[in-house]
Amino acid sequence: MAQLQKSIDKKKALVKATIELVNNNGFHATPMSKIAKMANVSPATIYLYFENKQDLLNQTYIEVKAVYTEYAFETYKETMSVEAGFELIWKRIANFKLHECENAMFLAQCDNTPIIDETSRQEGIKHLQPLLDLWTRGKKEGIIKPISEYLLYAYAINPLSFLMMTQNRGSFVLNKTHIDQAYKAAWDSIKI
C-alpha cells in the first residue's frame, strides 16, 4: 500500500512540475530533465508513468481539464433555466480561472497551441459536455444564438483567460463589480 502511495505521489509531483515549468518557460523550454529535477525524481522515473514528453503533456492537460470542469459543474443542475445555469457555470469558471491560476494558465497555453494532440483535445472537450448541452437546450428554446459552440465559447468563456492573464500581470485587479459586468457582457454576447 505504501508503495502505491509513493507511486501516486511521484506521478502527482511530475504533473505539478510540468504545469509550473510550462507556465514559466513554455512547452519547448521545458525538457524532461527539468521536469524530473523539479519533481525530485530521476529522469528514468518519468518513463514509468509516461511514454514521452507528448504523453506527459497530454495526460497533464486531460487531468487539469477534468479538475477544471468538475469545479465548473459541481453545483450545476440540468433542471436550472438556461440563463441561471449559464450564470452559475460562467461564474464558477471565472472563480477557477482567477483563483486556480497555475492550472488555468496551463489550460490557456494548451488551448492556444498545437502542442496537445487532437485525441487529447477531444477528450478535454468531452469534459465540457454539460455546458455544450446547456447551449443546445438554449438554442432549442430560442434563448441562445444558433451559432457554433466554438463561437459561443470564444465570445462567452475565452475572455476570462484574457482577464486572468491581465490580473496575473498586475495590470488590472478584478473585483465583484468587474466580474458581474464581465458576466453580463458574456451573456449578452450569446443570448438572442
N, C-alpha and C. Protein backbone atom coordinates (compact mmCIF):
# COMPACT_ATOMS: atom_id res chain seq x y z
N MET A 1 0.82 -1.20 0.00
CA MET A 1 0.00 0.00 0.00
C MET A 1 0.86 1.26 0.00
N ALA A 2 1.94 1.25 0.83
CA ALA A 2 2.84 2.41 0.89
C ALA A 2 3.52 2.62 -0.45
N GLN A 3 3.84 1.53 -1.15
CA GLN A 3 4.48 1.62 -2.47
C GLN A 3 3.54 2.28 -3.48
N LEU A 4 2.26 1.92 -3.42
CA LEU A 4 1.26 2.51 -4.32
C LEU A 4 1.15 4.02 -4.07
N GLN A 5 1.10 4.42 -2.80
CA GLN A 5 1.01 5.84 -2.46
C GLN A 5 2.26 6.59 -2.95
N LYS A 6 3.41 5.96 -2.80
CA LYS A 6 4.67 6.58 -3.26
C LYS A 6 4.63 6.79 -4.78
N SER A 7 4.08 5.82 -5.48
CA SER A 7 3.95 5.90 -6.94
C SER A 7 2.99 7.03 -7.32
N ILE A 8 1.87 7.13 -6.62
CA ILE A 8 0.88 8.19 -6.87
C ILE A 8 1.52 9.55 -6.61
N ASP A 9 2.27 9.66 -5.52
CA ASP A 9 2.93 10.92 -5.16
C ASP A 9 3.94 11.33 -6.23
N LYS A 10 4.68 10.39 -6.77
CA LYS A 10 5.67 10.70 -7.82
C LYS A 10 4.98 11.21 -9.08
N LYS A 11 3.89 10.55 -9.45
CA LYS A 11 3.17 10.98 -10.65
C LYS A 11 2.59 12.38 -10.44
N LYS A 12 2.02 12.65 -9.25
CA LYS A 12 1.48 13.98 -8.95
C LYS A 12 2.59 15.03 -9.00
N ALA A 13 3.76 14.69 -8.48
CA ALA A 13 4.89 15.62 -8.48
C ALA A 13 5.32 15.93 -9.92
N LEU A 14 5.29 14.93 -10.78
CA LEU A 14 5.64 15.14 -12.19
C LEU A 14 4.62 16.05 -12.88
N VAL A 15 3.36 15.83 -12.62
CA VAL A 15 2.30 16.67 -13.21
C VAL A 15 2.44 18.10 -12.71
N LYS A 16 2.64 18.27 -11.41
CA LYS A 16 2.79 19.61 -10.82
C LYS A 16 4.00 20.32 -11.42
N ALA A 17 5.11 19.62 -11.53
CA ALA A 17 6.33 20.22 -12.10
C ALA A 17 6.11 20.60 -13.56
N THR A 18 5.41 19.76 -14.29
CA THR A 18 5.12 20.05 -15.70
C THR A 18 4.32 21.34 -15.82
N ILE A 19 3.27 21.46 -15.02
CA ILE A 19 2.42 22.66 -15.05
C ILE A 19 3.25 23.90 -14.74
N GLU A 20 4.02 23.84 -13.67
CA GLU A 20 4.80 25.02 -13.26
C GLU A 20 5.85 25.40 -14.31
N LEU A 21 6.57 24.42 -14.83
CA LEU A 21 7.62 24.72 -15.81
C LEU A 21 7.04 25.21 -17.14
N VAL A 22 5.96 24.60 -17.59
CA VAL A 22 5.33 25.05 -18.83
C VAL A 22 4.81 26.47 -18.67
N ASN A 23 4.20 26.77 -17.53
CA ASN A 23 3.70 28.12 -17.29
C ASN A 23 4.81 29.16 -17.27
N ASN A 24 5.96 28.79 -16.70
CA ASN A 24 7.05 29.74 -16.57
C ASN A 24 7.97 29.81 -17.78
N ASN A 25 8.12 28.68 -18.50
CA ASN A 25 9.11 28.61 -19.57
C ASN A 25 8.53 28.32 -20.95
N GLY A 26 7.28 27.89 -21.01
CA GLY A 26 6.70 27.46 -22.28
C GLY A 26 6.99 25.98 -22.51
N PHE A 27 6.33 25.42 -23.52
CA PHE A 27 6.45 23.98 -23.80
C PHE A 27 7.86 23.59 -24.24
N HIS A 28 8.38 24.35 -25.18
CA HIS A 28 9.64 23.96 -25.80
C HIS A 28 10.84 24.15 -24.89
N ALA A 29 10.74 25.03 -23.91
CA ALA A 29 11.84 25.25 -22.98
C ALA A 29 11.65 24.46 -21.68
N THR A 30 10.90 23.39 -21.78
CA THR A 30 10.65 22.54 -20.62
C THR A 30 11.09 21.10 -20.94
N PRO A 31 12.38 20.84 -20.82
CA PRO A 31 12.84 19.48 -21.10
C PRO A 31 12.47 18.51 -19.97
N MET A 32 12.44 17.24 -20.31
CA MET A 32 12.10 16.20 -19.33
C MET A 32 13.06 16.24 -18.14
N SER A 33 14.31 16.56 -18.38
CA SER A 33 15.30 16.59 -17.30
C SER A 33 14.92 17.64 -16.24
N LYS A 34 14.42 18.80 -16.68
CA LYS A 34 14.00 19.84 -15.73
C LYS A 34 12.76 19.39 -14.96
N ILE A 35 11.85 18.74 -15.67
CA ILE A 35 10.64 18.24 -15.01
C ILE A 35 11.02 17.25 -13.93
N ALA A 36 11.89 16.31 -14.26
CA ALA A 36 12.33 15.30 -13.30
C ALA A 36 13.01 15.95 -12.10
N LYS A 37 13.89 16.91 -12.37
CA LYS A 37 14.62 17.57 -11.27
C LYS A 37 13.65 18.29 -10.34
N MET A 38 12.70 19.04 -10.92
CA MET A 38 11.74 19.76 -10.08
C MET A 38 10.85 18.80 -9.30
N ALA A 39 10.51 17.67 -9.89
CA ALA A 39 9.66 16.68 -9.21
C ALA A 39 10.47 15.82 -8.23
N ASN A 40 11.79 16.02 -8.24
CA ASN A 40 12.68 15.28 -7.36
C ASN A 40 12.65 13.77 -7.62
N VAL A 41 12.65 13.42 -8.91
CA VAL A 41 12.72 12.02 -9.33
C VAL A 41 13.80 11.90 -10.40
N SER A 42 14.24 10.70 -10.65
CA SER A 42 15.23 10.50 -11.71
C SER A 42 14.52 10.64 -13.07
N PRO A 43 15.25 11.10 -14.09
CA PRO A 43 14.62 11.22 -15.41
C PRO A 43 14.00 9.90 -15.89
N ALA A 44 14.61 8.79 -15.55
CA ALA A 44 14.08 7.48 -15.97
C ALA A 44 12.71 7.20 -15.35
N THR A 45 12.46 7.76 -14.17
CA THR A 45 11.18 7.53 -13.48
C THR A 45 10.01 8.05 -14.30
N ILE A 46 10.22 9.15 -15.02
CA ILE A 46 9.15 9.72 -15.84
C ILE A 46 8.57 8.66 -16.78
N TYR A 47 9.45 7.84 -17.33
CA TYR A 47 9.04 6.86 -18.34
C TYR A 47 8.32 5.65 -17.74
N LEU A 48 8.24 5.59 -16.42
CA LEU A 48 7.39 4.58 -15.78
C LEU A 48 5.92 4.98 -15.87
N TYR A 49 5.68 6.28 -15.98
CA TYR A 49 4.31 6.81 -15.98
C TYR A 49 3.86 7.36 -17.33
N PHE A 50 4.83 7.80 -18.13
CA PHE A 50 4.52 8.45 -19.40
C PHE A 50 5.44 7.92 -20.50
N GLU A 51 4.88 7.75 -21.70
CA GLU A 51 5.67 7.24 -22.82
C GLU A 51 6.76 8.21 -23.24
N ASN A 52 6.42 9.50 -23.26
CA ASN A 52 7.34 10.53 -23.72
C ASN A 52 6.80 11.88 -23.26
N LYS A 53 7.46 12.95 -23.68
CA LYS A 53 7.03 14.29 -23.27
C LYS A 53 5.61 14.60 -23.77
N GLN A 54 5.31 14.19 -25.00
CA GLN A 54 3.98 14.42 -25.56
C GLN A 54 2.91 13.75 -24.69
N ASP A 55 3.16 12.51 -24.29
CA ASP A 55 2.22 11.78 -23.44
C ASP A 55 2.07 12.49 -22.09
N LEU A 56 3.17 12.96 -21.53
CA LEU A 56 3.13 13.69 -20.26
C LEU A 56 2.27 14.95 -20.39
N LEU A 57 2.49 15.72 -21.45
CA LEU A 57 1.70 16.93 -21.67
C LEU A 57 0.22 16.62 -21.89
N ASN A 58 -0.05 15.60 -22.72
CA ASN A 58 -1.44 15.23 -22.99
C ASN A 58 -2.17 14.79 -21.73
N GLN A 59 -1.52 13.92 -20.95
CA GLN A 59 -2.16 13.41 -19.73
C GLN A 59 -2.35 14.53 -18.70
N THR A 60 -1.37 15.42 -18.62
CA THR A 60 -1.48 16.54 -17.70
C THR A 60 -2.64 17.43 -18.12
N TYR A 61 -2.75 17.70 -19.41
CA TYR A 61 -3.84 18.51 -19.94
C TYR A 61 -5.20 17.90 -19.59
N ILE A 62 -5.36 16.61 -19.83
CA ILE A 62 -6.64 15.94 -19.55
C ILE A 62 -6.95 15.97 -18.06
N GLU A 63 -5.93 15.75 -17.24
CA GLU A 63 -6.13 15.76 -15.79
C GLU A 63 -6.56 17.14 -15.30
N VAL A 64 -5.88 18.18 -15.78
CA VAL A 64 -6.21 19.54 -15.36
C VAL A 64 -7.58 19.95 -15.90
N LYS A 65 -7.89 19.55 -17.13
CA LYS A 65 -9.20 19.86 -17.71
C LYS A 65 -10.31 19.20 -16.89
N ALA A 66 -10.07 17.99 -16.40
CA ALA A 66 -11.07 17.30 -15.57
C ALA A 66 -11.29 18.04 -14.25
N VAL A 67 -10.23 18.52 -13.62
CA VAL A 67 -10.34 19.27 -12.37
C VAL A 67 -11.12 20.57 -12.62
N TYR A 68 -10.79 21.24 -13.70
CA TYR A 68 -11.44 22.50 -14.10
C TYR A 68 -12.94 22.30 -14.30
N THR A 69 -13.31 21.31 -15.08
CA THR A 69 -14.73 21.14 -15.39
C THR A 69 -15.50 20.54 -14.21
N GLU A 70 -14.85 19.72 -13.41
CA GLU A 70 -15.52 19.20 -12.21
C GLU A 70 -15.89 20.37 -11.30
N TYR A 71 -14.99 21.32 -11.17
CA TYR A 71 -15.27 22.51 -10.37
C TYR A 71 -16.38 23.34 -11.02
N ALA A 72 -16.28 23.56 -12.32
CA ALA A 72 -17.24 24.40 -13.03
C ALA A 72 -18.67 23.88 -12.91
N PHE A 73 -18.85 22.57 -12.94
CA PHE A 73 -20.20 21.99 -12.97
C PHE A 73 -20.64 21.39 -11.64
N GLU A 74 -19.84 21.55 -10.60
CA GLU A 74 -20.11 20.90 -9.32
C GLU A 74 -21.50 21.19 -8.76
N THR A 75 -21.96 22.42 -8.88
CA THR A 75 -23.26 22.77 -8.29
C THR A 75 -24.35 22.99 -9.35
N TYR A 76 -24.01 22.75 -10.61
CA TYR A 76 -24.96 22.92 -11.71
C TYR A 76 -25.97 21.77 -11.72
N LYS A 77 -27.23 22.12 -11.99
CA LYS A 77 -28.28 21.11 -12.13
C LYS A 77 -28.95 21.33 -13.48
N GLU A 78 -29.19 20.26 -14.21
CA GLU A 78 -29.79 20.34 -15.55
C GLU A 78 -31.20 20.92 -15.52
N THR A 79 -31.81 20.94 -14.36
CA THR A 79 -33.17 21.48 -14.25
C THR A 79 -33.19 23.01 -14.15
N MET A 80 -32.03 23.62 -14.03
CA MET A 80 -31.96 25.09 -13.96
C MET A 80 -32.38 25.68 -15.29
N SER A 81 -32.85 26.92 -15.24
CA SER A 81 -33.12 27.62 -16.50
C SER A 81 -31.80 27.81 -17.24
N VAL A 82 -31.89 28.05 -18.54
CA VAL A 82 -30.67 28.23 -19.34
C VAL A 82 -29.86 29.40 -18.80
N GLU A 83 -30.51 30.52 -18.54
CA GLU A 83 -29.78 31.69 -18.06
C GLU A 83 -29.16 31.45 -16.69
N ALA A 84 -29.92 30.88 -15.76
CA ALA A 84 -29.41 30.62 -14.41
C ALA A 84 -28.26 29.60 -14.46
N GLY A 85 -28.42 28.57 -15.28
CA GLY A 85 -27.37 27.57 -15.42
C GLY A 85 -26.10 28.16 -16.00
N PHE A 86 -26.26 28.99 -17.04
CA PHE A 86 -25.08 29.60 -17.65
C PHE A 86 -24.40 30.54 -16.66
N GLU A 87 -25.17 31.32 -15.94
CA GLU A 87 -24.57 32.25 -14.97
C GLU A 87 -23.78 31.48 -13.91
N LEU A 88 -24.36 30.42 -13.39
CA LEU A 88 -23.67 29.62 -12.38
C LEU A 88 -22.37 29.05 -12.94
N ILE A 89 -22.45 28.41 -14.10
CA ILE A 89 -21.27 27.81 -14.72
C ILE A 89 -20.23 28.88 -15.02
N TRP A 90 -20.64 29.98 -15.63
CA TRP A 90 -19.72 31.05 -16.00
C TRP A 90 -18.99 31.59 -14.78
N LYS A 91 -19.73 31.84 -13.71
CA LYS A 91 -19.11 32.41 -12.51
C LYS A 91 -18.18 31.41 -11.82
N ARG A 92 -18.50 30.13 -11.91
CA ARG A 92 -17.59 29.13 -11.35
C ARG A 92 -16.33 29.01 -12.21
N ILE A 93 -16.48 29.12 -13.52
CA ILE A 93 -15.30 29.12 -14.40
C ILE A 93 -14.45 30.35 -14.09
N ALA A 94 -15.08 31.50 -13.92
CA ALA A 94 -14.35 32.73 -13.59
C ALA A 94 -13.60 32.55 -12.27
N ASN A 95 -14.27 31.99 -11.29
CA ASN A 95 -13.64 31.77 -9.99
C ASN A 95 -12.43 30.84 -10.12
N PHE A 96 -12.58 29.77 -10.89
CA PHE A 96 -11.48 28.84 -11.10
C PHE A 96 -10.31 29.55 -11.76
N LYS A 97 -10.57 30.27 -12.84
CA LYS A 97 -9.50 30.92 -13.59
C LYS A 97 -8.79 31.98 -12.76
N LEU A 98 -9.50 32.64 -11.86
CA LEU A 98 -8.90 33.70 -11.08
C LEU A 98 -8.26 33.21 -9.78
N HIS A 99 -8.62 32.01 -9.33
CA HIS A 99 -8.07 31.51 -8.07
C HIS A 99 -7.21 30.25 -8.22
N GLU A 100 -7.38 29.55 -9.28
CA GLU A 100 -6.55 28.37 -9.58
C GLU A 100 -5.65 28.73 -10.77
N CYS A 101 -4.88 29.79 -10.57
CA CYS A 101 -4.14 30.40 -11.68
C CYS A 101 -3.19 29.44 -12.39
N GLU A 102 -2.46 28.63 -11.62
CA GLU A 102 -1.49 27.72 -12.27
C GLU A 102 -2.19 26.78 -13.23
N ASN A 103 -3.26 26.15 -12.77
CA ASN A 103 -3.99 25.22 -13.63
C ASN A 103 -4.65 25.96 -14.79
N ALA A 104 -5.23 27.11 -14.52
CA ALA A 104 -5.90 27.87 -15.57
C ALA A 104 -4.91 28.38 -16.62
N MET A 105 -3.75 28.82 -16.18
CA MET A 105 -2.73 29.28 -17.14
C MET A 105 -2.24 28.13 -18.01
N PHE A 106 -2.08 26.96 -17.39
CA PHE A 106 -1.66 25.79 -18.16
C PHE A 106 -2.69 25.46 -19.24
N LEU A 107 -3.97 25.45 -18.86
CA LEU A 107 -5.03 25.18 -19.83
C LEU A 107 -5.06 26.22 -20.93
N ALA A 108 -4.88 27.48 -20.57
CA ALA A 108 -4.89 28.55 -21.58
C ALA A 108 -3.76 28.34 -22.58
N GLN A 109 -2.58 27.96 -22.09
CA GLN A 109 -1.47 27.69 -23.00
C GLN A 109 -1.78 26.50 -23.91
N CYS A 110 -2.36 25.47 -23.33
CA CYS A 110 -2.69 24.27 -24.11
C CYS A 110 -3.75 24.58 -25.16
N ASP A 111 -4.71 25.40 -24.80
CA ASP A 111 -5.80 25.72 -25.72
C ASP A 111 -5.35 26.64 -26.85
N ASN A 112 -4.22 27.30 -26.68
CA ASN A 112 -3.74 28.25 -27.68
C ASN A 112 -2.47 27.81 -28.38
N THR A 113 -2.23 26.51 -28.41
CA THR A 113 -1.04 25.99 -29.08
C THR A 113 -1.36 24.60 -29.64
N PRO A 114 -0.67 24.20 -30.68
CA PRO A 114 -0.91 22.87 -31.24
C PRO A 114 -0.17 21.75 -30.50
N ILE A 115 0.44 22.04 -29.36
CA ILE A 115 1.26 21.06 -28.66
C ILE A 115 0.44 19.86 -28.15
N ILE A 116 -0.82 20.07 -27.80
CA ILE A 116 -1.68 18.99 -27.33
C ILE A 116 -2.26 18.28 -28.55
N ASP A 117 -2.19 16.94 -28.57
CA ASP A 117 -2.67 16.23 -29.76
C ASP A 117 -4.20 16.26 -29.83
N GLU A 118 -4.73 16.00 -31.01
CA GLU A 118 -6.17 16.14 -31.25
C GLU A 118 -6.99 15.16 -30.40
N THR A 119 -6.48 13.97 -30.18
CA THR A 119 -7.20 12.99 -29.35
C THR A 119 -7.38 13.53 -27.94
N SER A 120 -6.32 14.09 -27.38
CA SER A 120 -6.40 14.65 -26.03
C SER A 120 -7.29 15.88 -26.00
N ARG A 121 -7.22 16.70 -27.03
CA ARG A 121 -8.06 17.89 -27.12
C ARG A 121 -9.54 17.48 -27.14
N GLN A 122 -9.88 16.45 -27.91
CA GLN A 122 -11.26 15.97 -27.97
C GLN A 122 -11.70 15.39 -26.63
N GLU A 123 -10.78 14.72 -25.94
CA GLU A 123 -11.08 14.19 -24.60
C GLU A 123 -11.38 15.36 -23.65
N GLY A 124 -10.62 16.43 -23.78
CA GLY A 124 -10.85 17.62 -22.97
C GLY A 124 -12.20 18.25 -23.24
N ILE A 125 -12.61 18.27 -24.51
CA ILE A 125 -13.91 18.84 -24.88
C ILE A 125 -15.05 18.04 -24.25
N LYS A 126 -14.88 16.72 -24.15
CA LYS A 126 -15.92 15.88 -23.53
C LYS A 126 -16.24 16.34 -22.11
N HIS A 127 -15.22 16.86 -21.43
CA HIS A 127 -15.43 17.31 -20.06
C HIS A 127 -16.35 18.54 -20.00
N LEU A 128 -16.50 19.24 -21.12
CA LEU A 128 -17.35 20.43 -21.19
C LEU A 128 -18.80 20.10 -21.57
N GLN A 129 -19.13 18.83 -21.67
CA GLN A 129 -20.43 18.41 -22.18
C GLN A 129 -21.62 19.07 -21.51
N PRO A 130 -21.63 19.24 -20.17
CA PRO A 130 -22.80 19.91 -19.57
C PRO A 130 -23.03 21.33 -20.12
N LEU A 131 -21.96 22.07 -20.38
CA LEU A 131 -22.10 23.41 -20.95
C LEU A 131 -22.60 23.32 -22.38
N LEU A 132 -22.06 22.39 -23.16
CA LEU A 132 -22.50 22.22 -24.54
C LEU A 132 -23.97 21.82 -24.59
N ASP A 133 -24.37 20.93 -23.68
CA ASP A 133 -25.78 20.51 -23.60
C ASP A 133 -26.68 21.69 -23.21
N LEU A 134 -26.22 22.52 -22.30
CA LEU A 134 -26.98 23.70 -21.90
C LEU A 134 -27.17 24.63 -23.09
N TRP A 135 -26.12 24.83 -23.86
CA TRP A 135 -26.23 25.69 -25.04
C TRP A 135 -27.17 25.09 -26.08
N THR A 136 -27.12 23.79 -26.25
CA THR A 136 -28.04 23.13 -27.19
C THR A 136 -29.48 23.35 -26.75
N ARG A 137 -29.73 23.17 -25.46
CA ARG A 137 -31.08 23.41 -24.94
C ARG A 137 -31.47 24.86 -25.13
N GLY A 138 -30.53 25.77 -24.88
CA GLY A 138 -30.80 27.20 -25.05
C GLY A 138 -31.13 27.56 -26.49
N LYS A 139 -30.47 26.90 -27.44
CA LYS A 139 -30.77 27.14 -28.86
C LYS A 139 -32.18 26.65 -29.19
N LYS A 140 -32.52 25.46 -28.69
CA LYS A 140 -33.85 24.89 -28.94
C LYS A 140 -34.94 25.76 -28.34
N GLU A 141 -34.66 26.36 -27.18
CA GLU A 141 -35.65 27.21 -26.52
C GLU A 141 -35.66 28.63 -27.07
N GLY A 142 -34.78 28.92 -28.03
CA GLY A 142 -34.73 30.26 -28.62
C GLY A 142 -34.10 31.29 -27.72
N ILE A 143 -33.24 30.87 -26.82
CA ILE A 143 -32.60 31.78 -25.86
C ILE A 143 -31.16 32.10 -26.28
N ILE A 144 -30.48 31.07 -26.81
CA ILE A 144 -29.06 31.19 -27.20
C ILE A 144 -28.99 31.32 -28.72
N LYS A 145 -28.08 32.16 -29.19
CA LYS A 145 -27.90 32.34 -30.63
C LYS A 145 -27.59 30.99 -31.30
N PRO A 146 -28.19 30.72 -32.45
CA PRO A 146 -27.96 29.44 -33.14
C PRO A 146 -26.64 29.46 -33.92
N ILE A 147 -25.54 29.54 -33.18
CA ILE A 147 -24.21 29.55 -33.79
C ILE A 147 -23.37 28.41 -33.21
N SER A 148 -22.23 28.17 -33.78
CA SER A 148 -21.32 27.11 -33.36
C SER A 148 -20.94 27.23 -31.88
N GLU A 149 -20.77 26.08 -31.23
CA GLU A 149 -20.32 26.06 -29.84
C GLU A 149 -18.94 26.71 -29.72
N TYR A 150 -18.12 26.59 -30.77
CA TYR A 150 -16.80 27.22 -30.75
C TYR A 150 -16.93 28.74 -30.67
N LEU A 151 -17.89 29.29 -31.42
CA LEU A 151 -18.12 30.73 -31.36
C LEU A 151 -18.69 31.15 -30.00
N LEU A 152 -19.61 30.35 -29.48
CA LEU A 152 -20.17 30.65 -28.17
C LEU A 152 -19.06 30.65 -27.11
N TYR A 153 -18.20 29.66 -27.17
CA TYR A 153 -17.09 29.56 -26.21
C TYR A 153 -16.13 30.74 -26.39
N ALA A 154 -15.83 31.08 -27.64
CA ALA A 154 -14.89 32.17 -27.93
C ALA A 154 -15.39 33.50 -27.36
N TYR A 155 -16.68 33.76 -27.47
CA TYR A 155 -17.21 35.04 -27.02
C TYR A 155 -17.59 35.05 -25.55
N ALA A 156 -18.02 33.92 -25.02
CA ALA A 156 -18.55 33.91 -23.65
C ALA A 156 -17.53 33.44 -22.61
N ILE A 157 -16.65 32.52 -22.96
CA ILE A 157 -15.75 31.93 -21.97
C ILE A 157 -14.31 32.39 -22.15
N ASN A 158 -13.84 32.43 -23.38
CA ASN A 158 -12.43 32.78 -23.63
C ASN A 158 -12.01 34.14 -23.07
N PRO A 159 -12.87 35.15 -23.04
CA PRO A 159 -12.43 36.42 -22.45
C PRO A 159 -11.95 36.28 -21.00
N LEU A 160 -12.41 35.26 -20.31
CA LEU A 160 -11.94 35.05 -18.93
C LEU A 160 -10.44 34.78 -18.90
N SER A 161 -9.90 34.10 -19.91
CA SER A 161 -8.46 33.86 -19.96
C SER A 161 -7.70 35.17 -20.08
N PHE A 162 -8.21 36.08 -20.91
CA PHE A 162 -7.60 37.39 -21.05
C PHE A 162 -7.61 38.13 -19.71
N LEU A 163 -8.75 38.12 -19.02
CA LEU A 163 -8.85 38.80 -17.74
C LEU A 163 -7.91 38.17 -16.71
N MET A 164 -7.79 36.84 -16.73
CA MET A 164 -6.89 36.14 -15.81
C MET A 164 -5.45 36.58 -16.06
N MET A 165 -5.03 36.62 -17.32
CA MET A 165 -3.67 37.00 -17.66
C MET A 165 -3.41 38.46 -17.29
N THR A 166 -4.39 39.32 -17.52
CA THR A 166 -4.24 40.73 -17.17
C THR A 166 -4.09 40.91 -15.67
N GLN A 167 -4.89 40.17 -14.91
CA GLN A 167 -4.79 40.24 -13.46
C GLN A 167 -3.45 39.67 -12.97
N ASN A 168 -3.01 38.56 -13.57
CA ASN A 168 -1.74 37.96 -13.16
C ASN A 168 -0.56 38.90 -13.39
N ARG A 169 -0.63 39.71 -14.44
CA ARG A 169 0.44 40.67 -14.73
C ARG A 169 0.34 41.90 -13.82
N GLY A 170 -0.75 42.02 -13.09
CA GLY A 170 -0.93 43.17 -12.21
C GLY A 170 -1.46 44.40 -12.92
N SER A 171 -1.91 44.23 -14.16
CA SER A 171 -2.41 45.36 -14.94
C SER A 171 -3.82 45.78 -14.53
N PHE A 172 -4.58 44.83 -13.98
CA PHE A 172 -5.99 45.08 -13.70
C PHE A 172 -6.39 44.13 -12.58
N VAL A 173 -7.01 44.66 -11.55
CA VAL A 173 -7.48 43.82 -10.46
C VAL A 173 -8.99 43.72 -10.55
N LEU A 174 -9.46 42.50 -10.69
CA LEU A 174 -10.90 42.27 -10.82
C LEU A 174 -11.57 42.27 -9.46
N ASN A 175 -12.67 42.97 -9.38
CA ASN A 175 -13.48 42.93 -8.16
C ASN A 175 -14.86 42.37 -8.53
N LYS A 176 -15.76 42.31 -7.56
CA LYS A 176 -17.08 41.72 -7.82
C LYS A 176 -17.83 42.49 -8.91
N THR A 177 -17.73 43.80 -8.92
CA THR A 177 -18.40 44.60 -9.95
C THR A 177 -17.88 44.23 -11.34
N HIS A 178 -16.57 44.09 -11.47
CA HIS A 178 -15.99 43.70 -12.76
C HIS A 178 -16.48 42.32 -13.20
N ILE A 179 -16.53 41.40 -12.25
CA ILE A 179 -17.00 40.04 -12.57
C ILE A 179 -18.45 40.10 -13.04
N ASP A 180 -19.27 40.85 -12.35
CA ASP A 180 -20.68 40.98 -12.75
C ASP A 180 -20.80 41.62 -14.14
N GLN A 181 -19.99 42.64 -14.40
CA GLN A 181 -20.02 43.30 -15.70
C GLN A 181 -19.53 42.34 -16.80
N ALA A 182 -18.50 41.58 -16.49
CA ALA A 182 -17.96 40.62 -17.47
C ALA A 182 -18.99 39.52 -17.75
N TYR A 183 -19.68 39.07 -16.69
CA TYR A 183 -20.73 38.06 -16.91
C TYR A 183 -21.82 38.62 -17.82
N LYS A 184 -22.27 39.83 -17.54
CA LYS A 184 -23.33 40.43 -18.36
C LYS A 184 -22.89 40.55 -19.81
N ALA A 185 -21.66 40.94 -20.04
CA ALA A 185 -21.14 41.05 -21.41
C ALA A 185 -21.10 39.67 -22.07
N ALA A 186 -20.71 38.64 -21.30
CA ALA A 186 -20.66 37.27 -21.84
C ALA A 186 -22.08 36.81 -22.20
N TRP A 187 -23.02 37.01 -21.30
CA TRP A 187 -24.40 36.59 -21.54
C TRP A 187 -24.98 37.34 -22.73
N ASP A 188 -24.75 38.65 -22.78
CA ASP A 188 -25.27 39.46 -23.89
C ASP A 188 -24.68 39.02 -25.23
N SER A 189 -23.47 38.48 -25.21
CA SER A 189 -22.83 38.08 -26.47
C SER A 189 -23.41 36.80 -27.06
N ILE A 190 -24.10 35.99 -26.24
CA ILE A 190 -24.61 34.71 -26.76
C ILE A 190 -26.13 34.60 -26.74
N LYS A 191 -26.81 35.47 -26.00
CA LYS A 191 -28.28 35.36 -25.95
C LYS A 191 -28.89 36.05 -27.17
N ILE A 192 -30.08 35.61 -27.51
CA ILE A 192 -30.79 36.21 -28.64
C ILE A 192 -31.38 37.53 -28.21
